[in-house]
Amino acid sequence: MPHVCTLIFLLIVVVAVMTWILPSGEFERTMVETSTGERSVAVAGTYQTVEKVLEDGTDLRQGIPQILMAPGKGIQSAVEVLAFVFIIGGVFQIMARTNALNMGIQKIVKKLGTKEILIIPILMALFGLGGSTFGMSDELVPFYLLIMPVMFAMGYDSMTTFMTVCLSATVGYAASTINPFCVLVAQGIAGIQGNPQLVFRMIQWVIMMAVIITFVTWRAMKIKKNPEKSIVYQDDLLKKKEMAADVDFNQDMTLRQKLVLVIFLVGMVIVVVGLVKNGWYMNELSMCFLGMGLLMGIVGGLNEKEISEEFITGVKDITFAALVIGLCSGIMVIAQDGMIIDTILNSLSNLIENSNNAMFVAVMYVVQSLLTLLVPSSSGLAALSMPVMAPLCDLHGVNPEAAVTVLQYGNQLTNLMSPVAGTTVAGLAICKISFGQWWKTIWKVFLVMTVLALIFCTISAGL
């Protein structure tokens, strides 16, 4: 696969060519009152074509100058979202520097002691919460190295380690509640304020996590009784020989680290209350997360220079994801300037005009899954697809939150099986598991999760 930036630039070129081929046109739009404020929506049945050269001389056909300007204009158009993403990246790097999360996990494992089977559901619930609330993804890498010796010592295999860490976090990410890199970014681009389906998202998280925790725990118990039945049994014999010394679980969690976790939990509660009660948007969310970051840094024992340096490091680490958002917005800039977005919307609307909600969300789900193969990043995919998907929901007469729910599941469940998804590839590489072994282990549960996801998306469309 080419680099994602190359793919996005090629999409900009393709869309520019489309402005010469597809007719330009537009819907009439009106402001409607929703439970979270006013939104501008397209009015069904009002689509009209327009000439490629407007009366004022503006040529809607996009050429080489427009193509080269599109990335910059895309970044400018997404500046509010990008500012939010940069702040989130810096804040979580400050938290990572305190090592509070790692020590918290170690303390839980140590406390469980001989009740080893409980380690799997407890860790999976924690990683699932991480995925659902703050988009835990790249942070997973050290946990494979931390947990694998523990799993081997208890009689489980490396596949159990991978599923405990990656599967739980990815499914938690798919069933996002207040994930700033998925739900909040997508809602922001769609103009939805306040996370109106938050309670429903919480219910989804509980159901999805119950399914995978049950599966992983059942499989782990079966493998412990008959280790030879593990698909990675022969490989694990070598891994155990190569495994470094056991992890030191005798380190004590400091008071500062405990306070950092308390601040994080309190901050997430404030975010939820702000979303539900006050309809918070990007600026208010940025305010809350930045306040959390500063407090975690101070309480974690970092001085002002260290806090600043860690924040900058976090911003640097998240720059690629932010760049993808800006570049994807550049695709939409070309389509908007060429006035072909409404033409595409009108065609899609006519195609699914007589479909029910289940068929409608299924079409959106397939589209998002295919786009994920090109743009694995949830925030990048939101920038690419939400300007089309949310208005499409309006035209079909369904809740635009369905577009957000479809984005969550279509993106993350596809990434769970995709060879171009960084988080999955990294986890399998560390655990030394092949994609063939992974697919053979998970495909049945994957189908169950996909069916559940489509059911949730259909319900979301009707709320």
Protein backbone atom coordinates (compact mmCIF):
# COMPACT_ATOMS: atom_id res chain seq x y z
CA MET A 1 0.00 0.00 0.00
CA PRO A 2 1.22 3.55 -0.75
CA HIS A 3 1.67 5.95 2.14
CA VAL A 4 -1.61 7.34 3.46
CA CYS A 5 -0.58 10.89 2.51
CA THR A 6 0.00 9.70 -1.06
CA LEU A 7 -3.43 8.05 -1.11
CA ILE A 8 -5.13 11.19 0.17
CA PHE A 9 -3.37 13.39 -2.40
CA LEU A 10 -4.44 10.97 -5.13
CA LEU A 11 -8.01 11.25 -3.85
CA ILE A 12 -7.72 15.05 -4.08
CA VAL A 13 -6.69 14.66 -7.72
CA VAL A 14 -9.52 12.18 -8.42
CA VAL A 15 -12.12 14.50 -6.87
CA ALA A 16 -10.71 17.42 -8.88
CA VAL A 17 -11.17 15.38 -12.07
CA MET A 18 -14.71 14.60 -10.96
CA THR A 19 -15.49 18.32 -10.85
CA TRP A 20 -14.98 18.32 -14.63
CA ILE A 21 -17.15 15.24 -15.19
CA LEU A 22 -19.99 15.36 -12.68
CA PRO A 23 -22.63 18.10 -12.91
CA SER A 24 -22.42 20.78 -10.24
CA GLY A 25 -25.45 21.52 -8.14
CA GLU A 26 -26.80 22.32 -4.70
CA PHE A 27 -29.64 21.73 -2.28
CA GLU A 28 -31.49 24.46 -0.49
CA ARG A 29 -30.55 24.44 3.18
CA THR A 30 -32.41 25.48 6.28
CA MET A 31 -31.72 25.72 10.00
CA VAL A 32 -33.60 23.20 12.13
CA GLU A 33 -33.87 23.02 15.90
CA THR A 34 -32.53 19.82 17.49
CA SER A 35 -32.13 18.67 21.08
CA THR A 36 -28.59 20.07 21.04
CA GLY A 37 -29.14 23.32 19.16
CA GLU A 38 -29.63 24.46 15.58
CA ARG A 39 -28.18 22.60 12.61
CA SER A 40 -28.08 23.43 8.94
CA VAL A 41 -29.67 20.61 6.91
CA ALA A 42 -30.25 20.00 3.21
CA VAL A 43 -33.91 20.11 2.15
CA ALA A 44 -34.94 16.96 0.27
CA GLY A 45 -36.28 17.50 -3.23
CA THR A 46 -34.68 20.91 -3.74
CA TYR A 47 -31.53 19.82 -5.63
CA GLN A 48 -30.78 21.92 -8.73
CA THR A 49 -27.83 21.81 -11.13
CA VAL A 50 -25.74 24.90 -11.77
CA GLU A 51 -23.48 25.90 -14.66
CA LYS A 52 -19.78 25.11 -14.38
CA VAL A 53 -18.98 28.80 -14.88
CA LEU A 54 -21.00 31.03 -12.56
CA GLU A 55 -22.31 34.48 -13.47
CA ASP A 56 -19.49 36.15 -11.58
CA GLY A 57 -16.95 34.25 -13.72
CA THR A 58 -16.02 31.65 -11.08
CA ASP A 59 -15.04 28.37 -12.75
CA LEU A 60 -16.16 25.41 -10.65
CA ARG A 61 -13.81 23.03 -12.45
CA GLN A 62 -10.81 22.45 -10.21
CA GLY A 63 -7.35 22.49 -11.81
CA ILE A 64 -3.72 22.15 -10.75
CA PRO A 65 -3.62 25.41 -8.71
CA GLN A 66 -6.72 24.34 -6.77
CA ILE A 67 -5.26 20.86 -6.20
CA LEU A 68 -2.06 22.31 -4.75
CA MET A 69 -4.00 24.77 -2.58
CA ALA A 70 -6.40 22.10 -1.28
CA PRO A 71 -4.18 20.67 1.52
CA GLY A 72 -3.55 24.14 2.98
CA LYS A 73 -7.19 25.16 2.69
CA GLY A 74 -8.23 21.84 4.20
CA ILE A 75 -6.03 22.43 7.24
CA GLN A 76 -7.50 25.93 7.60
CA SER A 77 -11.08 24.63 7.38
CA ALA A 78 -10.43 22.02 10.10
CA VAL A 79 -8.49 24.31 12.42
CA GLU A 80 -10.93 23.97 15.37
CA VAL A 81 -10.74 20.18 15.23
CA LEU A 82 -6.95 20.23 14.76
CA ALA A 83 -6.49 22.49 17.80
CA PHE A 84 -8.52 20.04 19.87
CA VAL A 85 -6.48 17.06 18.62
CA PHE A 86 -3.16 18.79 19.36
CA ILE A 87 -4.24 19.59 22.93
CA ILE A 88 -5.43 16.01 23.48
CA GLY A 89 -2.09 14.65 22.24
CA GLY A 90 -0.14 16.89 24.60
CA VAL A 91 -2.32 16.12 27.60
CA PHE A 92 -2.06 12.36 27.28
CA GLN A 93 1.72 12.56 26.87
CA ILE A 94 1.89 14.40 30.21
CA MET A 95 -0.15 11.59 31.75
CA ALA A 96 2.10 8.98 30.14
CA ARG A 97 5.21 10.65 31.59
CA THR A 98 3.86 10.15 35.14
CA ASN A 99 3.68 6.37 34.44
CA ALA A 100 0.48 6.31 36.49
CA LEU A 101 -1.48 4.11 34.06
CA ASN A 102 1.26 1.47 33.76
CA MET A 103 1.70 1.29 37.52
CA GLY A 104 -2.06 1.07 38.01
CA ILE A 105 -2.23 -1.99 35.72
CA GLN A 106 0.73 -3.62 37.50
CA LYS A 107 -0.89 -3.05 40.88
CA ILE A 108 -4.13 -4.72 39.73
CA VAL A 109 -2.26 -7.76 38.40
CA LYS A 110 -0.29 -8.06 41.65
CA LYS A 111 -3.43 -7.73 43.82
CA LEU A 112 -5.25 -10.53 41.99
CA GLY A 113 -2.48 -12.99 42.82
CA THR A 114 -3.76 -16.56 42.51
CA LYS A 115 -7.14 -15.50 41.14
CA GLU A 116 -5.53 -15.48 37.73
CA ILE A 117 -8.61 -15.99 35.59
CA LEU A 118 -10.00 -12.67 36.87
CA ILE A 119 -7.03 -10.87 35.35
CA ILE A 120 -8.44 -11.31 31.86
CA PRO A 121 -11.91 -9.73 32.33
CA ILE A 122 -10.58 -6.99 34.60
CA LEU A 123 -7.77 -5.97 32.24
CA MET A 124 -10.07 -6.19 29.22
CA ALA A 125 -12.63 -3.95 30.91
CA LEU A 126 -9.89 -1.41 31.71
CA PHE A 127 -8.44 -1.44 28.19
CA GLY A 128 -11.98 -1.24 26.78
CA LEU A 129 -12.66 1.82 28.91
CA GLY A 130 -9.41 3.33 27.68
CA GLY A 131 -10.44 2.82 24.06
CA SER A 132 -13.94 4.16 24.67
CA THR A 133 -13.01 7.26 26.65
CA PHE A 134 -9.63 8.54 25.49
CA GLY A 135 -8.96 6.52 22.35
CA MET A 136 -6.34 4.19 23.81
CA SER A 137 -4.45 2.83 20.81
CA ASP A 138 -0.75 3.57 20.33
CA GLU A 139 -0.34 3.47 24.12
CA LEU A 140 -0.94 -0.30 24.06
CA VAL A 141 2.58 -1.27 22.99
CA PRO A 142 4.22 -1.53 26.46
CA PHE A 143 1.34 -3.59 27.83
CA TYR A 144 2.05 -6.55 25.53
CA LEU A 145 5.55 -6.76 27.01
CA LEU A 146 4.18 -6.31 30.52
CA ILE A 147 1.38 -8.86 30.33
CA MET A 148 2.84 -11.65 28.15
CA PRO A 149 5.16 -13.09 30.86
CA VAL A 150 2.23 -13.05 33.27
CA MET A 151 -0.01 -14.92 30.82
CA PHE A 152 2.69 -17.51 30.12
CA ALA A 153 3.25 -18.02 33.85
CA MET A 154 -0.47 -18.66 34.35
CA GLY A 155 -0.63 -21.23 31.53
CA TYR A 156 -2.19 -19.08 28.81
CA ASP A 157 -0.83 -18.41 25.31
CA SER A 158 0.40 -15.35 23.41
CA MET A 159 -2.96 -15.10 21.58
CA THR A 160 -4.59 -14.54 24.97
CA THR A 161 -2.16 -11.67 25.57
CA PHE A 162 -2.97 -10.08 22.21
CA MET A 163 -6.72 -10.39 22.67
CA THR A 164 -6.62 -9.14 26.24
CA VAL A 165 -4.84 -5.97 25.14
CA CYS A 166 -5.62 -5.18 21.50
CA LEU A 167 -9.03 -6.79 21.05
CA SER A 168 -10.47 -5.17 24.17
CA ALA A 169 -9.09 -1.69 23.42
CA THR A 170 -10.16 -1.83 19.77
CA VAL A 171 -13.70 -3.00 20.56
CA GLY A 172 -13.89 -0.38 23.30
CA TYR A 173 -12.76 2.17 20.71
CA ALA A 174 -15.46 0.90 18.32
CA ALA A 175 -18.09 1.27 21.04
CA SER A 176 -16.84 4.76 21.87
CA THR A 177 -18.65 6.91 24.39
CA ILE A 178 -16.59 10.11 24.67
CA ASN A 179 -13.52 9.16 22.62
CA PRO A 180 -12.10 12.53 21.46
CA PHE A 181 -10.47 10.99 18.36
CA CYS A 182 -13.64 9.33 17.12
CA VAL A 183 -17.04 10.33 18.50
CA LEU A 184 -16.25 13.92 19.47
CA VAL A 185 -14.32 14.72 16.29
CA ALA A 186 -17.03 13.15 14.09
CA GLN A 187 -19.79 14.99 15.93
CA GLY A 188 -17.85 18.22 15.65
CA ILE A 189 -17.49 17.87 11.88
CA ALA A 190 -21.17 16.92 11.58
CA GLY A 191 -22.25 19.91 13.69
CA ILE A 192 -23.71 17.73 16.46
CA GLN A 193 -23.29 19.13 19.96
CA GLY A 194 -23.59 17.51 23.35
CA ASN A 195 -23.24 13.79 22.47
CA PRO A 196 -27.04 13.23 22.50
CA GLN A 197 -26.81 9.41 22.34
CA LEU A 198 -24.27 9.05 25.15
CA VAL A 199 -26.44 6.73 27.27
CA PHE A 200 -27.07 4.51 24.25
CA ARG A 201 -23.33 4.46 23.55
CA MET A 202 -22.71 3.28 27.11
CA ILE A 203 -25.18 0.44 26.62
CA GLN A 204 -23.42 -0.55 23.40
CA TRP A 205 -20.07 -0.60 25.20
CA VAL A 206 -21.39 -2.93 27.91
CA ILE A 207 -22.86 -5.38 25.39
CA MET A 208 -19.84 -5.44 23.06
CA MET A 209 -17.37 -5.82 25.92
CA ALA A 210 -19.47 -8.60 27.49
CA VAL A 211 -19.31 -10.54 24.21
CA ILE A 212 -15.54 -10.37 23.75
CA ILE A 213 -14.68 -10.80 27.45
CA THR A 214 -16.80 -13.95 27.55
CA PHE A 215 -15.13 -15.29 24.40
CA VAL A 216 -11.54 -14.53 25.47
CA THR A 217 -12.05 -15.89 29.01
CA TRP A 218 -13.69 -19.08 27.71
CA ARG A 219 -10.92 -19.61 25.16
CA ALA A 220 -8.19 -18.96 27.76
CA MET A 221 -9.65 -21.56 30.12
CA LYS A 222 -9.86 -24.09 27.27
CA ILE A 223 -6.22 -23.45 26.26
CA LYS A 224 -5.01 -23.78 29.84
CA LYS A 225 -6.57 -27.26 30.06
CA ASN A 226 -5.15 -28.33 26.68
CA PRO A 227 -2.21 -26.07 25.68
CA GLU A 228 -1.59 -28.11 22.52
CA LYS A 229 -4.91 -26.90 21.09
CA SER A 230 -3.58 -23.36 20.86
CA ILE A 231 -2.99 -22.23 17.28
CA VAL A 232 0.25 -20.60 18.48
CA TYR A 233 1.43 -23.51 20.68
CA GLN A 234 4.59 -24.34 18.74
CA ASP A 235 5.50 -20.69 18.31
CA ASP A 236 5.01 -20.04 22.02
CA LEU A 237 7.57 -22.69 22.95
CA LEU A 238 10.21 -20.49 21.30
CA LYS A 239 8.76 -17.27 22.69
CA LYS A 240 8.98 -18.57 26.25
CA LYS A 241 12.66 -19.36 25.78
CA GLU A 242 13.32 -15.91 24.35
CA MET A 243 11.20 -14.12 26.97
CA ALA A 244 13.12 -11.75 29.19
CA ALA A 245 13.08 -11.97 32.95
CA ASP A 246 9.76 -11.66 34.71
CA VAL A 247 8.32 -8.21 35.17
CA ASP A 248 9.08 -6.66 38.54
CA PHE A 249 5.73 -6.36 40.30
CA ASN A 250 7.28 -5.29 43.58
CA GLN A 251 7.38 -1.64 42.62
CA ASP A 252 5.00 0.40 44.72
CA MET A 253 2.60 2.86 43.18
CA THR A 254 3.38 6.32 44.52
CA LEU A 255 0.86 8.71 46.01
CA ARG A 256 1.48 11.08 43.11
CA GLN A 257 0.58 8.38 40.58
CA LYS A 258 -2.60 7.56 42.48
CA LEU A 259 -3.57 11.24 42.47
CA VAL A 260 -2.89 11.46 38.71
CA LEU A 261 -5.38 8.64 38.11
CA VAL A 262 -7.92 10.33 40.39
CA ILE A 263 -7.57 13.59 38.44
CA PHE A 264 -8.01 11.71 35.18
CA LEU A 265 -11.18 9.96 36.38
CA VAL A 266 -12.66 13.17 37.81
CA GLY A 267 -11.82 14.98 34.58
CA MET A 268 -13.60 12.37 32.47
CA VAL A 269 -16.68 12.69 34.69
CA ILE A 270 -16.63 16.46 34.16
CA VAL A 271 -16.38 15.90 30.39
CA VAL A 272 -19.43 13.61 30.44
CA VAL A 273 -21.44 16.08 32.53
CA GLY A 274 -20.41 18.95 30.26
CA LEU A 275 -21.46 17.02 27.16
CA VAL A 276 -24.80 15.89 28.56
CA LYS A 277 -25.87 18.94 30.58
CA ASN A 278 -24.23 21.84 28.78
CA GLY A 279 -23.80 20.62 25.20
CA TRP A 280 -20.04 21.24 25.24
CA TYR A 281 -18.24 21.62 21.94
CA MET A 282 -14.59 21.67 20.89
CA ASN A 283 -13.45 24.75 22.83
CA GLU A 284 -15.03 23.68 26.10
CA LEU A 285 -13.65 20.15 25.73
CA SER A 286 -10.19 21.53 24.99
CA MET A 287 -10.47 23.65 28.15
CA CYS A 288 -11.30 20.63 30.30
CA PHE A 289 -8.60 18.36 28.88
CA LEU A 290 -5.94 21.06 29.13
CA GLY A 291 -6.87 21.67 32.76
CA MET A 292 -6.59 17.92 33.41
CA GLY A 293 -3.16 17.84 31.77
CA LEU A 294 -1.79 20.71 33.80
CA LEU A 295 -3.09 19.25 37.07
CA MET A 296 -1.76 15.76 36.26
CA GLY A 297 1.64 17.22 35.46
CA ILE A 298 1.83 19.26 38.67
CA VAL A 299 0.51 16.48 40.92
CA GLY A 300 2.71 13.96 39.08
CA GLY A 301 5.81 15.85 40.18
CA LEU A 302 6.77 17.46 36.87
CA ASN A 303 8.18 20.97 36.87
CA GLU A 304 6.98 23.65 34.44
CA LYS A 305 9.73 22.86 31.93
CA GLU A 306 8.99 19.13 31.97
CA ILE A 307 5.25 19.74 31.56
CA SER A 308 5.91 22.00 28.59
CA GLU A 309 8.36 19.58 26.99
CA GLU A 310 6.04 16.60 27.44
CA PHE A 311 3.15 18.60 25.99
CA ILE A 312 5.23 19.47 22.94
CA THR A 313 6.31 15.82 22.58
CA GLY A 314 2.66 14.77 22.66
CA VAL A 315 1.78 17.36 20.02
CA LYS A 316 4.62 16.06 17.83
CA ASP A 317 3.43 12.47 18.25
CA ILE A 318 -0.12 13.40 17.21
CA THR A 319 0.95 15.61 14.30
CA PHE A 320 0.57 12.83 11.75
CA ALA A 321 -3.03 12.14 12.79
CA ALA A 322 -3.78 15.88 12.68
CA LEU A 323 -2.15 16.17 9.26
CA VAL A 324 -4.35 13.36 7.95
CA ILE A 325 -7.43 15.23 9.19
CA GLY A 326 -6.30 18.40 7.41
CA LEU A 327 -5.44 16.59 4.16
CA CYS A 328 -8.77 14.75 4.16
CA SER A 329 -10.50 18.08 4.66
CA GLY A 330 -8.65 19.18 1.52
CA ILE A 331 -10.60 16.55 -0.42
CA MET A 332 -13.84 18.10 0.82
CA VAL A 333 -12.55 21.59 -0.09
CA ILE A 334 -12.13 20.51 -3.73
CA ALA A 335 -15.58 18.90 -3.75
CA GLN A 336 -17.21 21.94 -2.15
CA ASP A 337 -15.49 24.45 -4.42
CA GLY A 338 -16.51 22.34 -7.40
CA MET A 339 -20.06 22.08 -5.98
CA ILE A 340 -20.26 18.31 -6.50
CA ILE A 341 -20.94 17.27 -2.88
CA ASP A 342 -24.66 17.88 -3.24
CA THR A 343 -24.60 16.08 -6.60
CA ILE A 344 -23.11 13.01 -4.88
CA LEU A 345 -25.60 13.38 -2.01
CA ASN A 346 -28.50 13.59 -4.44
CA SER A 347 -27.35 10.45 -6.28
CA LEU A 348 -26.87 8.48 -3.07
CA SER A 349 -30.20 9.73 -1.72
CA ASN A 350 -32.02 8.61 -4.87
CA LEU A 351 -30.23 5.25 -4.77
CA ILE A 352 -31.44 4.44 -1.25
CA GLU A 353 -34.64 6.48 -1.37
CA ASN A 354 -36.99 3.57 -0.65
CA SER A 355 -34.69 1.62 1.66
CA ASN A 356 -35.43 1.10 5.33
CA ASN A 357 -33.07 2.20 8.08
CA ALA A 358 -31.35 -1.20 8.25
CA MET A 359 -30.47 -1.14 4.55
CA PHE A 360 -29.46 2.52 4.76
CA VAL A 361 -26.95 2.00 7.58
CA ALA A 362 -25.67 -1.19 5.92
CA VAL A 363 -24.74 0.82 2.81
CA MET A 364 -23.00 3.46 4.95
CA TYR A 365 -21.21 0.72 6.90
CA VAL A 366 -19.81 -0.89 3.75
CA VAL A 367 -18.63 2.49 2.46
CA GLN A 368 -16.90 3.34 5.76
CA SER A 369 -15.25 -0.09 5.91
CA LEU A 370 -13.83 0.31 2.41
CA LEU A 371 -12.63 3.84 3.13
CA THR A 372 -10.90 2.56 6.29
CA LEU A 373 -8.59 0.45 4.13
CA LEU A 374 -7.36 3.75 2.65
CA VAL A 375 -7.58 5.90 5.80
CA PRO A 376 -7.27 3.74 8.97
CA SER A 377 -7.30 6.79 11.28
CA SER A 378 -10.73 7.35 12.83
CA SER A 379 -10.27 11.12 12.99
CA GLY A 380 -8.97 11.22 9.41
CA LEU A 381 -11.90 9.10 8.23
CA ALA A 382 -14.29 11.43 10.05
CA ALA A 383 -12.84 14.42 8.19
CA LEU A 384 -13.13 12.54 4.89
CA SER A 385 -16.62 11.08 5.24
CA MET A 386 -18.75 13.02 7.74
CA PRO A 387 -19.34 16.04 5.45
CA VAL A 388 -21.17 13.59 3.15
CA MET A 389 -22.59 11.02 5.56
CA ALA A 390 -24.25 13.44 8.02
CA PRO A 391 -26.20 15.36 5.30
CA LEU A 392 -27.11 12.01 3.72
CA CYS A 393 -28.78 11.06 7.01
CA ASP A 394 -30.69 14.35 6.93
CA LEU A 395 -31.91 13.66 3.40
CA HIS A 396 -32.97 10.14 4.33
CA GLY A 397 -34.82 11.44 7.38
CA VAL A 398 -32.76 9.60 9.99
CA ASN A 399 -30.79 10.83 12.99
CA PRO A 400 -27.35 12.08 11.85
CA GLU A 401 -25.88 10.43 14.94
CA ALA A 402 -26.22 7.21 12.92
CA ALA A 403 -23.39 8.45 10.69
CA VAL A 404 -21.17 8.76 13.78
CA THR A 405 -22.11 5.29 15.03
CA VAL A 406 -21.45 3.76 11.61
CA LEU A 407 -18.07 5.52 11.51
CA GLN A 408 -17.08 4.05 14.88
CA TYR A 409 -17.82 0.44 14.03
CA GLY A 410 -16.97 0.47 10.33
CA ASN A 411 -13.58 1.97 11.10
CA GLN A 412 -12.47 0.00 14.15
CA LEU A 413 -13.88 -3.44 13.33
CA THR A 414 -12.25 -3.17 9.91
CA ASN A 415 -8.98 -2.12 11.55
CA LEU A 416 -9.23 -5.20 13.76
CA MET A 417 -8.81 -7.38 10.66
CA SER A 418 -6.87 -5.03 8.39
CA PRO A 419 -3.18 -5.56 7.50
CA VAL A 420 -2.75 -1.78 7.15
CA ALA A 421 -4.03 -0.89 10.65
CA GLY A 422 -1.04 0.24 12.69
CA THR A 423 -2.36 -0.78 16.12
CA THR A 424 -3.26 -4.31 15.03
CA VAL A 425 -0.06 -4.82 13.05
CA ALA A 426 2.10 -3.59 15.93
CA GLY A 427 0.39 -5.84 18.48
CA LEU A 428 0.65 -8.94 16.32
CA ALA A 429 4.30 -8.17 15.60
CA ILE A 430 5.19 -7.84 19.28
CA CYS A 431 3.31 -11.04 20.16
CA LYS A 432 4.82 -12.72 17.05
CA ILE A 433 1.44 -13.87 15.74
CA SER A 434 0.69 -14.09 12.02
CA PHE A 435 -2.41 -12.55 10.44
CA GLY A 436 -3.49 -16.04 9.34
CA GLN A 437 -3.43 -17.26 12.95
CA TRP A 438 -5.30 -14.17 14.09
CA TRP A 439 -8.02 -14.36 11.43
CA LYS A 440 -8.58 -18.06 12.06
CA THR A 441 -9.02 -17.40 15.79
CA ILE A 442 -11.32 -14.39 15.62
CA TRP A 443 -13.50 -14.67 12.49
CA LYS A 444 -16.58 -16.14 14.17
CA VAL A 445 -16.62 -13.52 16.93
CA PHE A 446 -15.91 -10.84 14.32
CA LEU A 447 -19.10 -11.80 12.48
CA VAL A 448 -21.08 -11.63 15.73
CA MET A 449 -19.67 -8.17 16.50
CA THR A 450 -20.45 -6.97 12.96
CA VAL A 451 -24.08 -8.08 13.29
CA LEU A 452 -24.35 -6.35 16.67
CA ALA A 453 -22.76 -3.22 15.21
CA LEU A 454 -25.32 -3.08 12.37
CA ILE A 455 -28.14 -3.50 14.90
CA PHE A 456 -26.75 -0.64 17.01
CA CYS A 457 -26.37 1.56 13.91
CA THR A 458 -29.97 0.88 12.89
CA ILE A 459 -31.24 1.77 16.36
CA SER A 460 -29.09 4.92 16.35
CA ALA A 461 -30.71 5.96 13.06
CA GLY A 462 -34.18 5.72 14.57
CA LEU A 463 -33.56 7.50 17.90
